[in-house]
Amino acid sequence: MSKETQLTELDKQIAAPDFWDDPQAAQKISKAAASLRDEAEYWLSFKHRIDDARELAEMGDDSLRAELETEVAAIEKDLEKRSFAAMLSGKYDEGDAILAIHAGAGGTDSQDWAEMIQRMYLRWAETQGFKTEILDLTPGEEAGIKSCTISISGRYAYGYLRSEKGVHRLVRLSPFDAAHRRHTSFALVEVLPQVAMDNPEVPISPSDVKIDVFRSSGAGGQNVQKNSTAIRLTHIPSGMVVTCQNERSQMQNKEAAMSVLRARLFQIQQARQDAEIAVLKGDYTKAEWGSQIRSYVLHPYQLVKDHRTDYEVGNSQSVLDGALMGFMESFLRQAE
C-alpha cells in the first residue's frame, strides 16, 4: 500500500463520528496521519524547489549563477539527509526513545563523566529539535550523577540514538585528584524504543507489578518534595525495578515509569530473540561492560574515536557539546 493510500485511509478513520470514542487509539492514528502528511508535504515542496532551480538554469543568466549554485548545494545536502533517513527503516526507528545513563567504576570521576554524557545528549537533542524530559535522576555523592533516564521525543529519535548504546570511555586529567593525575572513567548508555502502552508484544499484567510511592529526592530547601509523588515499580516475574521521580503528579510519574518498564521488558524480549537467532547462525557473542564503543580523550591530546567504525574527530569539546551526527551516521551506514 502506497503512503498516499495509507494517508487516505487514515483520514477516513479520523473523519468517522465515533473516532474519539477510544482516545488512545485515536491519538495513535492521528500521530501516524500527521507523520505521513508531513512527509508528503516535504516531498511536494522539494519537487517545487528542483523545478524552480531547473527554470533558473534554463534561463542562462550568468547573474543568477551564484544564487543557483547556492540553491543546488542546499538541495543536494537536503537530499543526502533525506536519503540517509530513508535507511532508518527499522520497526521503531521513526519513533521516540528512552535514554538511560549509568556511571561505571571510578567513583566521582565516573559520576562526573555520566553527567557530561547527559549534557552531551541533551545538547544533541536540542540541535535536532527533539523534545527531552528527565524522568529519573540519581545524583552522585560529591559531583555528577549515578544514573539518569531521559525521554527523547521526535521523528527518528530512536533510529539515530540506537547507535549510541554501549560503554563510553573518558581519558582526562582528573579535576577530583589532588595530584591532577590522568584518570580513565566509564559510563554505560542504554537506548530503548518508547513502546506504545497498548503494544501486544509486551503484555504486562497489573498483578505482576508492585507499586511503591515515595518522596522525590531533591536538592534540599524549597526543592524538597512535600508530597509523595515519586513512583517505584517492581516487575515481580523479572525482578526489574523502575523509578520515576520527576517533579510531576503521582499519576504522571506512574505512566512514565510504566513506559520505561515496558521498554526494558521489550529490550529483554528482543535480546533473547536475537541471541537465539545468533546461536543458530553460530555467531553469538555475549554483551558485556568491558568493550567500549567510543573513547573520548582530553589528555594528552584531543580525540574522540568510535571503535566500531574508526570514525574520529579531533575536537573533543565539539562532540561533548552535542556534535554527534557524524558518529551516528557512520555507524548506521556501516550497519546497513
C-alpha atoms as a PDB file:
ATOM      1  CA  MET A   1       0.000   0.000   0.000  1.00  0.00           C
ATOM      2  CA  SER A   2       1.432   3.421  -1.015  1.00  0.00           C
ATOM      3  CA  LYS A   3       1.832   6.167   1.574  1.00  0.00           C
ATOM      4  CA  GLU A   4      -0.790   8.256  -0.221  1.00  0.00           C
ATOM      5  CA  THR A   5      -3.274   5.394   0.110  1.00  0.00           C
ATOM      6  CA  GLN A   6      -2.344   4.912   3.761  1.00  0.00           C
ATOM      7  CA  LEU A   7      -2.967   8.615   4.439  1.00  0.00           C
ATOM      8  CA  THR A   8      -6.332   8.489   2.662  1.00  0.00           C
ATOM      9  CA  GLU A   9      -7.403   5.502   4.762  1.00  0.00           C
ATOM     10  CA  LEU A  10      -6.293   7.173   7.994  1.00  0.00           C
ATOM     11  CA  ASP A  11      -8.127  10.385   7.102  1.00  0.00           C
ATOM     12  CA  LYS A  12     -11.298   8.348   6.567  1.00  0.00           C
ATOM     13  CA  GLN A  13     -10.934   6.880  10.064  1.00  0.00           C
ATOM     14  CA  ILE A  14     -10.300  10.339  11.565  1.00  0.00           C
ATOM     15  CA  ALA A  15     -13.453  11.698   9.880  1.00  0.00           C
ATOM     16  CA  ALA A  16     -15.652   8.970  11.418  1.00  0.00           C
ATOM     17  CA  PRO A  17     -18.127  10.294  14.036  1.00  0.00           C
ATOM     18  CA  ASP A  18     -17.013   7.754  16.680  1.00  0.00           C
ATOM     19  CA  PHE A  19     -13.293   8.342  16.098  1.00  0.00           C
ATOM     20  CA  TRP A  20     -12.612   9.781  19.586  1.00  0.00           C
ATOM     21  CA  ASP A  21     -14.589   7.113  21.432  1.00  0.00           C
ATOM     22  CA  ASP A  22     -11.231   5.421  22.022  1.00  0.00           C
ATOM     23  CA  PRO A  23      -8.864   8.358  22.789  1.00  0.00           C
ATOM     24  CA  GLN A  24      -5.722   6.200  22.971  1.00  0.00           C
ATOM     25  CA  ALA A  25      -6.311   4.617  19.557  1.00  0.00           C
ATOM     26  CA  ALA A  26      -7.351   7.992  18.138  1.00  0.00           C
ATOM     27  CA  GLN A  27      -4.106   9.624  19.233  1.00  0.00           C
ATOM     28  CA  LYS A  28      -2.086   6.835  17.663  1.00  0.00           C
ATOM     29  CA  ILE A  29      -3.931   7.160  14.336  1.00  0.00           C
ATOM     30  CA  SER A  30      -3.705  10.979  14.402  1.00  0.00           C
ATOM     31  CA  LYS A  31       0.051  10.816  15.006  1.00  0.00           C
ATOM     32  CA  ALA A  32       0.528   8.364  12.111  1.00  0.00           C
ATOM     33  CA  ALA A  33      -1.554  10.552   9.792  1.00  0.00           C
ATOM     34  CA  ALA A  34       0.373  13.696  10.778  1.00  0.00           C
ATOM     35  CA  SER A  35       3.681  11.936  10.072  1.00  0.00           C
ATOM     36  CA  LEU A  36       2.543  10.802   6.608  1.00  0.00           C
ATOM     37  CA  ARG A  37       1.130  14.238   5.829  1.00  0.00           C
ATOM     38  CA  ASP A  38       4.381  15.969   6.825  1.00  0.00           C
ATOM     39  CA  GLU A  39       6.349  13.607   4.600  1.00  0.00           C
ATOM     40  CA  ALA A  40       4.020  14.159   1.628  1.00  0.00           C
ATOM     41  CA  GLU A  41       4.226  17.940   2.042  1.00  0.00           C
ATOM     42  CA  TYR A  42       8.013  17.783   2.288  1.00  0.00           C
ATOM     43  CA  TRP A  43       8.445  15.882  -0.982  1.00  0.00           C
ATOM     44  CA  LEU A  44       5.974  18.148  -2.778  1.00  0.00           C
ATOM     45  CA  SER A  45       7.918  21.207  -1.573  1.00  0.00           C
ATOM     46  CA  PHE A  46      11.198  19.525  -2.536  1.00  0.00           C
ATOM     47  CA  LYS A  47       9.900  18.897  -6.069  1.00  0.00           C
ATOM     48  CA  HIS A  48       8.949  22.568  -6.390  1.00  0.00           C
ATOM     49  CA  ARG A  49      12.470  23.600  -5.342  1.00  0.00           C
ATOM     50  CA  ILE A  50      14.003  21.365  -8.016  1.00  0.00           C
ATOM     51  CA  ASP A  51      11.604  22.700 -10.661  1.00  0.00           C
ATOM     52  CA  ASP A  52      12.439  26.297  -9.694  1.00  0.00           C
ATOM     53  CA  ALA A  53      16.187  25.588  -9.845  1.00  0.00           C
ATOM     54  CA  ARG A  54      15.789  23.963 -13.259  1.00  0.00           C
ATOM     55  CA  GLU A  55      13.925  27.019 -14.552  1.00  0.00           C
ATOM     56  CA  LEU A  56      16.695  29.303 -13.301  1.00  0.00           C
ATOM     57  CA  ALA A  57      19.329  27.157 -15.040  1.00  0.00           C
ATOM     58  CA  GLU A  58      17.402  27.160 -18.313  1.00  0.00           C
ATOM     59  CA  MET A  59      17.316  30.982 -18.322  1.00  0.00           C
ATOM     60  CA  GLY A  60      21.081  31.028 -18.944  1.00  0.00           C
ATOM     61  CA  ASP A  61      21.536  34.273 -16.990  1.00  0.00           C
ATOM     62  CA  ASP A  62      25.097  34.463 -15.593  1.00  0.00           C
ATOM     63  CA  SER A  63      23.983  36.970 -12.952  1.00  0.00           C
ATOM     64  CA  LEU A  64      21.917  34.184 -11.370  1.00  0.00           C
ATOM     65  CA  ARG A  65      24.778  31.674 -11.286  1.00  0.00           C
ATOM     66  CA  ALA A  66      25.819  32.330  -7.646  1.00  0.00           C
ATOM     67  CA  GLU A  67      22.210  32.066  -6.433  1.00  0.00           C
ATOM     68  CA  LEU A  68      21.698  28.883  -8.461  1.00  0.00           C
ATOM     69  CA  GLU A  69      24.884  27.239  -7.159  1.00  0.00           C
ATOM     70  CA  THR A  70      23.860  28.006  -3.575  1.00  0.00           C
ATOM     71  CA  GLU A  71      20.402  26.508  -4.081  1.00  0.00           C
ATOM     72  CA  VAL A  72      21.755  23.389  -5.834  1.00  0.00           C
ATOM     73  CA  ALA A  73      24.198  22.801  -2.955  1.00  0.00           C
ATOM     74  CA  ALA A  74      21.331  23.186  -0.449  1.00  0.00           C
ATOM     75  CA  ILE A  75      19.167  20.755  -2.428  1.00  0.00           C
ATOM     76  CA  GLU A  76      21.978  18.172  -2.566  1.00  0.00           C
ATOM     77  CA  LYS A  77      22.607  18.479   1.173  1.00  0.00           C
ATOM     78  CA  ASP A  78      18.895  18.146   1.942  1.00  0.00           C
ATOM     79  CA  LEU A  79      18.565  15.157  -0.379  1.00  0.00           C
ATOM     80  CA  GLU A  80      21.546  13.419   1.250  1.00  0.00           C
ATOM     81  CA  LYS A  81      19.971  13.936   4.674  1.00  0.00           C
ATOM     82  CA  ARG A  82      16.640  12.548   3.491  1.00  0.00           C
ATOM     83  CA  SER A  83      18.315   9.621   1.726  1.00  0.00           C
ATOM     84  CA  PHE A  84      20.031   8.714   4.979  1.00  0.00           C
ATOM     85  CA  ALA A  85      16.757   8.992   6.901  1.00  0.00           C
ATOM     86  CA  ALA A  86      15.285   6.503   4.430  1.00  0.00           C
ATOM     87  CA  MET A  87      17.853   3.993   5.748  1.00  0.00           C
ATOM     88  CA  LEU A  88      16.216   4.209   9.171  1.00  0.00           C
ATOM     89  CA  SER A  89      13.606   1.645   8.277  1.00  0.00           C
ATOM     90  CA  GLY A  90      13.560  -0.446  11.456  1.00  0.00           C
ATOM     91  CA  LYS A  91      10.223  -1.065  13.110  1.00  0.00           C
ATOM     92  CA  TYR A  92      10.838   1.534  15.835  1.00  0.00           C
ATOM     93  CA  ASP A  93      13.402   3.789  14.122  1.00  0.00           C
ATOM     94  CA  GLU A  94      10.924   6.566  13.373  1.00  0.00           C
ATOM     95  CA  GLY A  95       9.680   6.753  16.950  1.00  0.00           C
ATOM     96  CA  ASP A  96      10.711   8.221  20.287  1.00  0.00           C
ATOM     97  CA  ALA A  97      13.477   6.899  22.526  1.00  0.00           C
ATOM     98  CA  ILE A  98      14.316   6.362  26.175  1.00  0.00           C
ATOM     99  CA  LEU A  99      17.962   7.037  27.010  1.00  0.00           C
ATOM    100  CA  ALA A 100      19.481   5.759  30.262  1.00  0.00           C
ATOM    101  CA  ILE A 101      22.983   6.626  31.509  1.00  0.00           C
ATOM    102  CA  HIS A 102      24.801   4.760  34.312  1.00  0.00           C
ATOM    103  CA  ALA A 103      28.132   5.753  35.877  1.00  0.00           C
ATOM    104  CA  GLY A 104      30.661   2.937  35.885  1.00  0.00           C
ATOM    105  CA  ALA A 105      33.590   2.111  38.130  1.00  0.00           C
ATOM    106  CA  GLY A 106      35.727   5.092  39.024  1.00  0.00           C
ATOM    107  CA  GLY A 107      33.842   6.870  41.799  1.00  0.00           C
ATOM    108  CA  THR A 108      33.384  10.617  41.493  1.00  0.00           C
ATOM    109  CA  ASP A 109      35.199  10.800  38.149  1.00  0.00           C
ATOM    110  CA  SER A 110      32.798   8.351  36.517  1.00  0.00           C
ATOM    111  CA  GLN A 111      29.781  10.077  38.066  1.00  0.00           C
ATOM    112  CA  ASP A 112      31.028  13.389  36.685  1.00  0.00           C
ATOM    113  CA  TRP A 113      31.543  11.696  33.298  1.00  0.00           C
ATOM    114  CA  ALA A 114      27.971  10.379  33.377  1.00  0.00           C
ATOM    115  CA  GLU A 115      26.727  13.947  33.883  1.00  0.00           C
ATOM    116  CA  MET A 116      28.907  15.148  30.992  1.00  0.00           C
ATOM    117  CA  ILE A 117      27.312  12.495  28.772  1.00  0.00           C
ATOM    118  CA  GLN A 118      23.857  13.550  29.927  1.00  0.00           C
ATOM    119  CA  ARG A 119      24.626  17.134  28.884  1.00  0.00           C
ATOM    120  CA  MET A 120      26.057  15.912  25.548  1.00  0.00           C
ATOM    121  CA  TYR A 121      22.856  14.088  24.598  1.00  0.00           C
ATOM    122  CA  LEU A 122      20.612  16.916  25.799  1.00  0.00           C
ATOM    123  CA  ARG A 123      22.584  19.329  23.603  1.00  0.00           C
ATOM    124  CA  TRP A 124      22.404  16.931  20.644  1.00  0.00           C
ATOM    125  CA  ALA A 125      18.647  16.562  21.061  1.00  0.00           C
ATOM    126  CA  GLU A 126      18.270  20.342  21.215  1.00  0.00           C
ATOM    127  CA  THR A 127      20.145  20.814  17.926  1.00  0.00           C
ATOM    128  CA  GLN A 128      17.862  18.236  16.279  1.00  0.00           C
ATOM    129  CA  GLY A 129      14.713  19.927  17.553  1.00  0.00           C
ATOM    130  CA  PHE A 130      13.778  16.962  19.762  1.00  0.00           C
ATOM    131  CA  LYS A 131      11.830  17.296  22.996  1.00  0.00           C
ATOM    132  CA  THR A 132      13.555  15.958  26.120  1.00  0.00           C
ATOM    133  CA  GLU A 133      12.354  15.185  29.621  1.00  0.00           C
ATOM    134  CA  ILE A 134      14.388  13.820  32.525  1.00  0.00           C
ATOM    135  CA  LEU A 135      12.238  11.062  34.026  1.00  0.00           C
ATOM    136  CA  ASP A 136      14.575   9.939  36.793  1.00  0.00           C
ATOM    137  CA  LEU A 137      17.930  11.101  38.153  1.00  0.00           C
ATOM    138  CA  THR A 138      20.149   9.875  40.978  1.00  0.00           C
ATOM    139  CA  PRO A 139      22.840  12.434  41.893  1.00  0.00           C
ATOM    140  CA  GLY A 140      26.376  11.462  42.880  1.00  0.00           C
ATOM    141  CA  GLU A 141      27.664  11.889  46.430  1.00  0.00           C
ATOM    142  CA  GLU A 142      30.216  14.605  45.593  1.00  0.00           C
ATOM    143  CA  ALA A 143      29.572  15.538  41.971  1.00  0.00           C
ATOM    144  CA  GLY A 144      27.905  14.295  38.810  1.00  0.00           C
ATOM    145  CA  ILE A 145      25.191  11.643  38.665  1.00  0.00           C
ATOM    146  CA  LYS A 146      24.980   7.927  39.332  1.00  0.00           C
ATOM    147  CA  SER A 147      22.255   7.415  36.739  1.00  0.00           C
ATOM    148  CA  CYS A 148      19.529   9.166  34.814  1.00  0.00           C
ATOM    149  CA  THR A 149      16.693   8.277  32.458  1.00  0.00           C
ATOM    150  CA  ILE A 150      15.665  10.694  29.696  1.00  0.00           C
ATOM    151  CA  SER A 151      12.686  10.626  27.351  1.00  0.00           C
ATOM    152  CA  ILE A 152      13.639  11.951  23.880  1.00  0.00           C
ATOM    153  CA  SER A 153      10.750  12.623  21.513  1.00  0.00           C
ATOM    154  CA  GLY A 154      10.974  13.432  17.826  1.00  0.00           C
ATOM    155  CA  ARG A 155      10.912  11.758  14.445  1.00  0.00           C
ATOM    156  CA  TYR A 156      13.762   9.205  14.104  1.00  0.00           C
ATOM    157  CA  ALA A 157      14.949   9.831  17.685  1.00  0.00           C
ATOM    158  CA  TYR A 158      15.333   6.102  18.318  1.00  0.00           C
ATOM    159  CA  GLY A 159      16.719   5.445  14.835  1.00  0.00           C
ATOM    160  CA  TYR A 160      19.647   7.757  15.450  1.00  0.00           C
ATOM    161  CA  LEU A 161      20.190   7.047  19.138  1.00  0.00           C
ATOM    162  CA  ARG A 162      20.348   3.265  18.800  1.00  0.00           C
ATOM    163  CA  SER A 163      23.895   3.817  17.500  1.00  0.00           C
ATOM    164  CA  GLU A 164      24.891   5.117  20.955  1.00  0.00           C
ATOM    165  CA  LYS A 165      24.164   2.014  23.005  1.00  0.00           C
ATOM    166  CA  GLY A 166      27.236   0.740  24.836  1.00  0.00           C
ATOM    167  CA  VAL A 167      30.136   1.762  27.077  1.00  0.00           C
ATOM    168  CA  HIS A 168      31.678   5.219  26.641  1.00  0.00           C
ATOM    169  CA  ARG A 169      35.218   5.825  27.968  1.00  0.00           C
ATOM    170  CA  LEU A 170      36.763   9.143  29.041  1.00  0.00           C
ATOM    171  CA  VAL A 171      40.511   9.802  29.447  1.00  0.00           C
ATOM    172  CA  ARG A 172      41.476  13.095  31.129  1.00  0.00           C
ATOM    173  CA  LEU A 173      43.357  14.778  33.953  1.00  0.00           C
ATOM    174  CA  SER A 174      41.029  14.314  36.903  1.00  0.00           C
ATOM    175  CA  PRO A 175      39.684  17.531  38.475  1.00  0.00           C
ATOM    176  CA  PHE A 176      38.970  15.464  41.602  1.00  0.00           C
ATOM    177  CA  ASP A 177      42.553  14.215  42.060  1.00  0.00           C
ATOM    178  CA  ALA A 178      44.756  16.486  44.198  1.00  0.00           C
ATOM    179  CA  ALA A 179      47.783  15.293  42.237  1.00  0.00           C
ATOM    180  CA  HIS A 180      45.913  16.035  38.964  1.00  0.00           C
ATOM    181  CA  ARG A 181      46.754  12.618  37.542  1.00  0.00           C
ATOM    182  CA  ARG A 182      45.260  11.110  34.416  1.00  0.00           C
ATOM    183  CA  HIS A 183      42.122   9.025  35.027  1.00  0.00           C
ATOM    184  CA  THR A 184      40.009   6.747  32.862  1.00  0.00           C
ATOM    185  CA  SER A 185      36.262   6.766  33.509  1.00  0.00           C
ATOM    186  CA  PHE A 186      33.419   4.696  32.100  1.00  0.00           C
ATOM    187  CA  ALA A 187      29.677   5.150  31.660  1.00  0.00           C
ATOM    188  CA  LEU A 188      27.067   2.849  30.167  1.00  0.00           C
ATOM    189  CA  VAL A 189      24.444   4.196  27.766  1.00  0.00           C
ATOM    190  CA  GLU A 190      21.202   2.291  27.184  1.00  0.00           C
ATOM    191  CA  VAL A 191      18.822   3.179  24.357  1.00  0.00           C
ATOM    192  CA  LEU A 192      15.280   1.814  24.285  1.00  0.00           C
ATOM    193  CA  PRO A 193      12.366   2.432  21.913  1.00  0.00           C
ATOM    194  CA  GLN A 194       9.331   4.010  23.551  1.00  0.00           C
ATOM    195  CA  VAL A 195       6.986   1.080  23.088  1.00  0.00           C
ATOM    196  CA  ALA A 196       3.291   2.025  22.989  1.00  0.00           C
ATOM    197  CA  MET A 197       1.310   1.187  26.133  1.00  0.00           C
ATOM    198  CA  ASP A 198      -1.069  -0.999  24.125  1.00  0.00           C
ATOM    199  CA  ASN A 199       1.674  -2.926  22.310  1.00  0.00           C
ATOM    200  CA  PRO A 200       0.622  -6.610  22.339  1.00  0.00           C
ATOM    201  CA  GLU A 201       4.266  -7.671  22.053  1.00  0.00           C
ATOM    202  CA  VAL A 202       4.892  -6.608  25.664  1.00  0.00           C
ATOM    203  CA  PRO A 203       1.934  -7.689  27.798  1.00  0.00           C
ATOM    204  CA  ILE A 204       2.118  -6.590  31.447  1.00  0.00           C
ATOM    205  CA  SER A 205      -0.420  -7.908  33.923  1.00  0.00           C
ATOM    206  CA  PRO A 206      -1.296  -5.426  36.717  1.00  0.00           C
ATOM    207  CA  SER A 207      -0.932  -8.268  39.215  1.00  0.00           C
ATOM    208  CA  ASP A 208       2.725  -8.658  38.144  1.00  0.00           C
ATOM    209  CA  VAL A 209       3.652  -5.103  39.136  1.00  0.00           C
ATOM    210  CA  LYS A 210       4.237  -3.902  42.702  1.00  0.00           C
ATOM    211  CA  ILE A 211       3.814  -0.135  43.096  1.00  0.00           C
ATOM    212  CA  ASP A 212       5.547   1.880  45.828  1.00  0.00           C
ATOM    213  CA  VAL A 213       5.144   5.622  46.362  1.00  0.00           C
ATOM    214  CA  PHE A 214       7.823   7.779  47.996  1.00  0.00           C
ATOM    215  CA  ARG A 215       9.075  11.332  48.171  1.00  0.00           C
ATOM    216  CA  SER A 216      11.303  12.540  45.360  1.00  0.00           C
ATOM    217  CA  SER A 217      14.899  13.270  46.314  1.00  0.00           C
ATOM    218  CA  GLY A 218      15.664  16.908  45.634  1.00  0.00           C
ATOM    219  CA  ALA A 219      18.411  19.436  46.208  1.00  0.00           C
ATOM    220  CA  GLY A 220      17.024  20.456  49.581  1.00  0.00           C
ATOM    221  CA  GLY A 221      15.274  23.603  50.732  1.00  0.00           C
ATOM    222  CA  GLN A 222      12.384  24.662  48.524  1.00  0.00           C
ATOM    223  CA  ASN A 223      13.132  21.862  46.071  1.00  0.00           C
ATOM    224  CA  VAL A 224      12.256  19.071  48.500  1.00  0.00           C
ATOM    225  CA  GLN A 225       9.023  17.313  47.565  1.00  0.00           C
ATOM    226  CA  LYS A 226       6.476  17.736  50.346  1.00  0.00           C
ATOM    227  CA  ASN A 227       4.144  15.153  48.804  1.00  0.00           C
ATOM    228  CA  SER A 228       4.876  11.535  47.925  1.00  0.00           C
ATOM    229  CA  THR A 229       4.793  11.690  44.124  1.00  0.00           C
ATOM    230  CA  ALA A 230       7.763   9.520  43.132  1.00  0.00           C
ATOM    231  CA  ILE A 231       6.948   6.020  41.881  1.00  0.00           C
ATOM    232  CA  ARG A 232       8.842   2.755  42.146  1.00  0.00           C
ATOM    233  CA  LEU A 233       7.595  -0.159  40.039  1.00  0.00           C
ATOM    234  CA  THR A 234       8.798  -3.705  40.690  1.00  0.00           C
ATOM    235  CA  HIS A 235       8.054  -6.233  37.976  1.00  0.00           C
ATOM    236  CA  ILE A 236       7.664  -9.359  40.087  1.00  0.00           C
ATOM    237  CA  PRO A 237       8.318 -12.048  37.409  1.00  0.00           C
ATOM    238  CA  SER A 238      11.627 -10.482  36.302  1.00  0.00           C
ATOM    239  CA  GLY A 239      12.604  -8.625  39.485  1.00  0.00           C
ATOM    240  CA  MET A 240      13.137  -5.470  37.403  1.00  0.00           C
ATOM    241  CA  VAL A 241      12.792  -2.168  39.286  1.00  0.00           C
ATOM    242  CA  VAL A 242      11.987   1.169  37.635  1.00  0.00           C
ATOM    243  CA  THR A 243      11.684   4.526  39.390  1.00  0.00           C
ATOM    244  CA  CYS A 244      10.379   7.866  38.194  1.00  0.00           C
ATOM    245  CA  GLN A 245      10.722  10.911  40.433  1.00  0.00           C
ATOM    246  CA  ASN A 246      10.310  13.835  38.127  1.00  0.00           C
ATOM    247  CA  GLU A 247       8.581  16.784  39.824  1.00  0.00           C
ATOM    248  CA  ARG A 248       5.161  15.923  38.435  1.00  0.00           C
ATOM    249  CA  SER A 249       1.975  14.328  39.684  1.00  0.00           C
ATOM    250  CA  GLN A 250       1.936  10.800  41.023  1.00  0.00           C
ATOM    251  CA  MET A 251      -0.193   9.669  38.071  1.00  0.00           C
ATOM    252  CA  GLN A 252       2.197  11.188  35.512  1.00  0.00           C
ATOM    253  CA  ASN A 253       5.167   9.561  37.223  1.00  0.00           C
ATOM    254  CA  LYS A 254       3.368   6.219  37.198  1.00  0.00           C
ATOM    255  CA  GLU A 255       2.671   6.477  33.463  1.00  0.00           C
ATOM    256  CA  ALA A 256       6.285   7.433  32.756  1.00  0.00           C
ATOM    257  CA  ALA A 257       7.602   4.567  34.904  1.00  0.00           C
ATOM    258  CA  MET A 258       5.301   2.117  33.115  1.00  0.00           C
ATOM    259  CA  SER A 259       6.627   3.374  29.786  1.00  0.00           C
ATOM    260  CA  VAL A 260      10.222   2.729  30.895  1.00  0.00           C
ATOM    261  CA  LEU A 261       9.303  -0.695  32.330  1.00  0.00           C
ATOM    262  CA  ARG A 262       7.591  -1.714  29.096  1.00  0.00           C
ATOM    263  CA  ALA A 263      10.601  -0.553  27.069  1.00  0.00           C
ATOM    264  CA  ARG A 264      13.027  -2.525  29.268  1.00  0.00           C
ATOM    265  CA  LEU A 265      10.925  -5.687  29.077  1.00  0.00           C
ATOM    266  CA  PHE A 266      10.734  -5.250  25.318  1.00  0.00           C
ATOM    267  CA  GLN A 267      14.536  -4.948  25.176  1.00  0.00           C
ATOM    268  CA  ILE A 268      14.936  -8.186  27.146  1.00  0.00           C
ATOM    269  CA  GLN A 269      12.482  -9.942  24.861  1.00  0.00           C
ATOM    270  CA  GLN A 270      14.271  -8.697  21.728  1.00  0.00           C
ATOM    271  CA  ALA A 271      17.708  -9.563  23.133  1.00  0.00           C
ATOM    272  CA  ARG A 272      16.524 -13.095  23.861  1.00  0.00           C
ATOM    273  CA  GLN A 273      15.201 -13.492  20.318  1.00  0.00           C
ATOM    274  CA  ASP A 274      18.377 -12.014  18.792  1.00  0.00           C
ATOM    275  CA  ALA A 275      20.553 -14.332  20.896  1.00  0.00           C
ATOM    276  CA  GLU A 276      18.549 -17.354  19.787  1.00  0.00           C
ATOM    277  CA  ILE A 277      18.966 -16.358  16.136  1.00  0.00           C
ATOM    278  CA  ALA A 278      22.691 -15.669  16.654  1.00  0.00           C
ATOM    279  CA  VAL A 279      23.174 -19.094  18.248  1.00  0.00           C
ATOM    280  CA  LEU A 280      21.519 -20.714  15.254  1.00  0.00           C
ATOM    281  CA  LYS A 281      23.838 -18.746  12.955  1.00  0.00           C
ATOM    282  CA  GLY A 282      26.853 -19.606  15.106  1.00  0.00           C
ATOM    283  CA  ASP A 283      27.927 -16.021  15.788  1.00  0.00           C
ATOM    284  CA  TYR A 284      26.573 -15.333  19.268  1.00  0.00           C
ATOM    285  CA  THR A 285      28.695 -13.015  21.446  1.00  0.00           C
ATOM    286  CA  LYS A 286      27.645 -12.093  24.965  1.00  0.00           C
ATOM    287  CA  ALA A 287      27.277  -8.344  25.526  1.00  0.00           C
ATOM    288  CA  GLU A 288      29.477  -7.206  28.418  1.00  0.00           C
ATOM    289  CA  TRP A 289      30.601  -3.980  30.113  1.00  0.00           C
ATOM    290  CA  GLY A 290      34.222  -4.393  29.093  1.00  0.00           C
ATOM    291  CA  SER A 291      34.008  -3.497  25.409  1.00  0.00           C
ATOM    292  CA  GLN A 292      33.674   0.264  24.995  1.00  0.00           C
ATOM    293  CA  ILE A 293      32.176   1.560  21.760  1.00  0.00           C
ATOM    294  CA  ARG A 294      33.793   5.001  21.898  1.00  0.00           C
ATOM    295  CA  SER A 295      36.693   6.760  23.607  1.00  0.00           C
ATOM    296  CA  TYR A 296      36.816  10.472  24.449  1.00  0.00           C
ATOM    297  CA  VAL A 297      40.391  11.625  25.054  1.00  0.00           C
ATOM    298  CA  LEU A 298      41.004  15.056  26.618  1.00  0.00           C
ATOM    299  CA  HIS A 299      44.625  14.417  27.651  1.00  0.00           C
ATOM    300  CA  PRO A 300      47.401  14.143  26.481  1.00  0.00           C
ATOM    301  CA  TYR A 301      45.723  15.054  23.171  1.00  0.00           C
ATOM    302  CA  GLN A 302      42.201  15.757  21.891  1.00  0.00           C
ATOM    303  CA  LEU A 303      40.405  12.898  20.123  1.00  0.00           C
ATOM    304  CA  VAL A 304      37.044  11.153  20.088  1.00  0.00           C
ATOM    305  CA  LYS A 305      37.114   7.805  18.294  1.00  0.00           C
ATOM    306  CA  ASP A 306      34.404   5.225  17.664  1.00  0.00           C
ATOM    307  CA  HIS A 307      35.968   1.787  17.896  1.00  0.00           C
ATOM    308  CA  ARG A 308      33.287   0.122  15.760  1.00  0.00           C
ATOM    309  CA  THR A 309      33.706   2.319  12.686  1.00  0.00           C
ATOM    310  CA  ASP A 310      37.089   4.050  13.275  1.00  0.00           C
ATOM    311  CA  TYR A 311      35.320   7.374  12.723  1.00  0.00           C
ATOM    312  CA  GLU A 312      37.132  10.053  14.726  1.00  0.00           C
ATOM    313  CA  VAL A 313      37.047  13.765  15.476  1.00  0.00           C
ATOM    314  CA  GLY A 314      39.975  15.844  16.780  1.00  0.00           C
ATOM    315  CA  ASN A 315      37.795  18.459  18.513  1.00  0.00           C
ATOM    316  CA  SER A 316      36.615  16.654  21.653  1.00  0.00           C
ATOM    317  CA  GLN A 317      34.774  19.692  23.029  1.00  0.00           C
ATOM    318  CA  SER A 318      32.541  19.982  19.955  1.00  0.00           C
ATOM    319  CA  VAL A 319      31.477  16.359  20.431  1.00  0.00           C
ATOM    320  CA  LEU A 320      30.781  16.922  24.130  1.00  0.00           C
ATOM    321  CA  ASP A 321      28.699  19.920  23.034  1.00  0.00           C
ATOM    322  CA  GLY A 322      26.458  17.576  21.029  1.00  0.00           C
ATOM    323  CA  ALA A 323      28.119  17.233  17.605  1.00  0.00           C
ATOM    324  CA  LEU A 324      27.294  13.520  17.305  1.00  0.00           C
ATOM    325  CA  MET A 325      25.687  13.152  13.884  1.00  0.00           C
ATOM    326  CA  GLY A 326      28.938  12.125  12.191  1.00  0.00           C
ATOM    327  CA  PHE A 327      29.373   9.227  14.620  1.00  0.00           C
ATOM    328  CA  MET A 328      25.728   8.207  14.327  1.00  0.00           C
ATOM    329  CA  GLU A 329      25.634   8.282  10.548  1.00  0.00           C
ATOM    330  CA  SER A 330      28.944   6.450  10.224  1.00  0.00           C
ATOM    331  CA  PHE A 331      27.711   3.620  12.442  1.00  0.00           C
ATOM    332  CA  LEU A 332      24.285   3.365  10.819  1.00  0.00           C
ATOM    333  CA  ARG A 333      25.740   3.327   7.282  1.00  0.00           C
ATOM    334  CA  GLN A 334      28.123   0.541   8.276  1.00  0.00           C
ATOM    335  CA  ALA A 335      25.280  -1.401   9.909  1.00  0.00           C
ATOM    336  CA  GLU A 336      23.275  -1.408   6.665  1.00  0.00           C
END
